[in-house]
Amino acid sequence: MSEEKESIETTEKQASADKKPAATKEVDLPAFEKGIADKIVAKFGEKTKVAFVKPDRVRINVDKEDVHAVAEFIRDELNFDHAESVSGVDYPQDKEIEVVYHLGSYTDASLARQVLVLATRAPREENPIPGNDGTKLPSLRDIFYSVEFFEREVFEMLGVYFNGHPDNRRLLLPEDWADLPPLRKDFAIKGR
């Protein structure tokens, strides 16, 4: 093989190795978002994983053992003083349920456009008995008062029990609901 042809093949291999799918490319955070992320990483290090979602939105992934401490730091040191919403996502292939808190600030004008996304995961039980299985997370109700009804809804619809929540009763479903939580992916919709 000639040196020229070998050089071209090597260059092509390097070029294809350098190409990454858009979802895996590392993106530099804008300055404001980087400042927020750097403070969290400086405090918690490897316990957190920071992901840039889009301008004015940073996502922090944290283990369930650390979510309470990280949330407290976010409120006390970064001035995100309320939860705008809380949602849950069922990942049956990973045997986990993710709970996502969208945090904002009423009191700090510089954070008015910012949404800090705090996400954690709980193990997913195959045949859940809400409150009596391993699908549990610490409640953030003592940090963000506004999560009270959001956490109740996630408990009811996905079966995630929140330890320390003052009221883990059903919110929307009847008290005698005996089926799987209805937002689990394996919940069978009658008639389909």
Protein backbone atom coordinates (compact mmCIF):
# COMPACT_ATOMS: atom_id res chain seq x y z
CA MET A 1 0.00 0.00 0.00
CA SER A 2 1.35 3.40 -0.88
CA GLU A 3 2.12 5.98 1.80
CA GLU A 4 -0.36 8.44 0.26
CA LYS A 5 -3.25 5.94 0.36
CA GLU A 6 -2.31 4.90 3.91
CA SER A 7 -2.27 8.56 4.99
CA ILE A 8 -5.75 9.16 3.50
CA GLU A 9 -7.19 6.08 5.28
CA THR A 10 -5.66 7.17 8.60
CA THR A 11 -7.10 10.68 8.19
CA GLU A 12 -10.56 9.26 7.38
CA LYS A 13 -10.45 6.99 10.46
CA GLN A 14 -9.49 9.94 12.68
CA ALA A 15 -12.26 12.09 11.19
CA SER A 16 -14.90 9.43 11.81
CA ALA A 17 -13.60 8.85 15.35
CA ASP A 18 -13.86 12.60 16.07
CA LYS A 19 -17.51 12.71 15.02
CA LYS A 20 -19.87 12.21 17.96
CA PRO A 21 -23.64 12.08 17.90
CA ALA A 22 -25.11 15.43 18.95
CA ALA A 23 -26.47 13.93 22.19
CA THR A 24 -23.00 12.91 23.39
CA LYS A 25 -21.12 16.07 22.48
CA GLU A 26 -19.92 18.10 25.41
CA VAL A 27 -21.28 21.63 25.34
CA ASP A 28 -19.70 24.57 27.10
CA LEU A 29 -22.11 26.16 29.52
CA PRO A 30 -22.95 29.86 29.13
CA ALA A 31 -21.27 31.97 31.82
CA PHE A 32 -24.28 32.37 34.12
CA GLU A 33 -25.23 28.67 33.98
CA LYS A 34 -21.56 27.70 34.43
CA GLY A 35 -21.40 29.80 37.61
CA ILE A 36 -24.37 27.92 39.08
CA ALA A 37 -23.01 24.52 38.03
CA ASP A 38 -19.50 25.29 39.33
CA LYS A 39 -20.84 26.14 42.81
CA ILE A 40 -22.73 22.85 43.00
CA VAL A 41 -19.75 20.82 41.74
CA ALA A 42 -17.39 22.64 44.14
CA LYS A 43 -19.61 21.67 47.07
CA PHE A 44 -20.63 18.12 46.08
CA GLY A 45 -18.02 17.02 43.52
CA GLU A 46 -18.60 13.55 42.05
CA LYS A 47 -21.95 13.22 43.83
CA THR A 48 -23.52 15.40 41.13
CA LYS A 49 -23.56 15.31 37.35
CA VAL A 50 -24.29 18.58 35.56
CA ALA A 51 -25.96 18.68 32.16
CA PHE A 52 -26.70 21.77 30.10
CA VAL A 53 -30.23 21.55 28.75
CA LYS A 54 -30.61 24.93 27.03
CA PRO A 55 -30.03 28.58 27.90
CA ASP A 56 -31.49 29.39 31.32
CA ARG A 57 -31.83 25.70 32.20
CA VAL A 58 -29.24 23.48 33.89
CA ARG A 59 -29.92 19.89 34.97
CA ILE A 60 -28.29 18.38 38.06
CA ASN A 61 -28.43 14.58 38.42
CA VAL A 62 -27.86 13.32 41.95
CA ASP A 63 -28.17 10.02 43.82
CA LYS A 64 -31.16 9.66 46.13
CA GLU A 65 -28.90 9.61 49.20
CA ASP A 66 -27.65 13.11 48.38
CA VAL A 67 -30.77 14.78 46.93
CA HIS A 68 -31.86 16.35 50.24
CA ALA A 69 -28.45 17.94 50.93
CA VAL A 70 -28.12 19.19 47.34
CA ALA A 71 -31.64 20.67 47.41
CA GLU A 72 -30.90 22.43 50.69
CA PHE A 73 -27.69 23.91 49.22
CA ILE A 74 -29.58 25.03 46.10
CA ARG A 75 -32.14 26.83 48.26
CA ASP A 76 -29.77 28.34 50.83
CA GLU A 77 -26.71 29.18 48.73
CA LEU A 78 -28.06 29.61 45.19
CA ASN A 79 -31.40 31.29 46.09
CA PHE A 80 -33.69 28.90 44.21
CA ASP A 81 -36.56 29.21 46.67
CA HIS A 82 -39.43 27.15 45.24
CA ALA A 83 -40.31 24.15 43.12
CA GLU A 84 -42.24 25.13 40.02
CA SER A 85 -43.17 21.53 39.28
CA VAL A 86 -42.25 17.94 40.04
CA SER A 87 -42.62 15.12 37.57
CA GLY A 88 -41.81 11.45 37.39
CA VAL A 89 -40.53 9.24 34.58
CA ASP A 90 -40.75 5.46 34.57
CA TYR A 91 -37.71 3.62 33.17
CA PRO A 92 -38.69 -0.08 33.36
CA GLN A 93 -35.65 -1.17 31.30
CA ASP A 94 -33.38 0.40 33.96
CA LYS A 95 -35.64 -0.75 36.83
CA GLU A 96 -35.79 2.86 38.06
CA ILE A 97 -38.21 5.73 38.39
CA GLU A 98 -36.81 9.23 38.01
CA VAL A 99 -38.24 12.19 39.92
CA VAL A 100 -37.49 15.61 38.44
CA TYR A 101 -37.82 18.88 40.39
CA HIS A 102 -37.97 22.14 38.39
CA LEU A 103 -36.72 24.87 40.72
CA GLY A 104 -37.03 28.63 40.37
CA SER A 105 -36.70 31.83 42.38
CA TYR A 106 -39.23 34.46 43.36
CA THR A 107 -36.79 36.45 45.49
CA ASP A 108 -33.68 36.79 43.29
CA ALA A 109 -34.31 38.87 40.16
CA SER A 110 -31.15 37.55 38.48
CA LEU A 111 -32.68 34.05 38.57
CA ALA A 112 -36.10 35.05 37.23
CA ARG A 113 -35.53 33.27 33.89
CA GLN A 114 -33.51 30.37 35.28
CA VAL A 115 -34.90 26.89 35.88
CA LEU A 116 -32.66 24.52 37.78
CA VAL A 117 -33.64 20.91 37.12
CA LEU A 118 -32.80 18.56 40.00
CA ALA A 119 -33.23 14.87 39.14
CA THR A 120 -32.85 11.69 41.17
CA ARG A 121 -33.86 8.06 40.76
CA ALA A 122 -35.44 5.39 42.95
CA PRO A 123 -35.35 1.64 42.37
CA ARG A 124 -38.47 0.39 40.60
CA GLU A 125 -40.35 -2.54 42.11
CA GLU A 126 -42.10 -4.88 39.67
CA ASN A 127 -45.20 -5.42 41.84
CA PRO A 128 -45.35 -2.25 43.90
CA ILE A 129 -47.11 -1.92 47.21
CA PRO A 130 -46.90 1.89 47.55
CA GLY A 131 -45.24 2.83 50.81
CA ASN A 132 -44.22 -0.76 51.57
CA ASP A 133 -41.65 -1.46 48.88
CA GLY A 134 -38.23 -0.16 47.84
CA THR A 135 -39.51 2.64 45.60
CA LYS A 136 -38.73 5.40 48.08
CA LEU A 137 -37.05 8.80 48.03
CA PRO A 138 -36.54 11.46 50.69
CA SER A 139 -39.20 14.16 50.58
CA LEU A 140 -38.10 17.71 49.78
CA ARG A 141 -41.25 19.12 51.41
CA ASP A 142 -39.27 20.53 54.36
CA ILE A 143 -37.05 22.45 51.90
CA PHE A 144 -39.58 23.50 49.25
CA TYR A 145 -43.10 23.79 50.68
CA SER A 146 -44.53 23.86 47.15
CA VAL A 147 -43.68 20.18 46.51
CA GLU A 148 -46.37 18.92 48.89
CA PHE A 149 -49.04 18.12 46.29
CA PHE A 150 -46.54 17.37 43.51
CA GLU A 151 -44.93 14.61 45.59
CA ARG A 152 -48.34 13.22 46.49
CA GLU A 153 -49.20 13.02 42.80
CA VAL A 154 -45.91 11.24 41.95
CA PHE A 155 -46.55 8.83 44.84
CA GLU A 156 -50.02 8.09 43.57
CA MET A 157 -49.32 7.90 39.83
CA LEU A 158 -45.90 6.18 39.87
CA GLY A 159 -45.72 4.57 43.32
CA VAL A 160 -42.73 6.54 44.67
CA TYR A 161 -43.10 6.87 48.44
CA PHE A 162 -41.54 10.05 49.88
CA ASN A 163 -39.97 9.45 53.30
CA GLY A 164 -40.64 12.39 55.60
CA HIS A 165 -43.61 13.73 53.62
CA PRO A 166 -46.33 14.87 56.05
CA ASP A 167 -49.23 13.44 54.00
CA ASN A 168 -48.66 10.46 51.68
CA ARG A 169 -52.39 9.90 51.10
CA ARG A 170 -53.96 9.49 47.69
CA LEU A 171 -54.73 12.76 45.94
CA LEU A 172 -56.70 11.89 42.78
CA LEU A 173 -57.34 8.14 42.71
CA PRO A 174 -59.93 6.44 44.92
CA GLU A 175 -58.63 5.21 48.29
CA ASP A 176 -59.41 1.61 47.34
CA TRP A 177 -57.31 1.68 44.12
CA ALA A 178 -55.83 -1.81 43.87
CA ASP A 179 -54.10 -1.74 40.47
CA LEU A 180 -50.58 -0.66 39.51
CA PRO A 181 -49.88 3.06 39.69
CA PRO A 182 -51.42 4.31 36.41
CA LEU A 183 -48.39 6.14 34.97
CA ARG A 184 -46.16 3.07 35.13
CA LYS A 185 -45.33 1.84 31.65
CA ASP A 186 -46.60 -1.66 32.44
CA PHE A 187 -50.04 -0.41 33.53
CA ALA A 188 -52.56 -2.13 31.24
CA ILE A 189 -55.13 0.21 29.74
CA LYS A 190 -58.40 -1.66 29.50
CA GLY A 191 -59.74 -2.06 25.98
CA ARG A 192 -56.36 -1.85 24.25
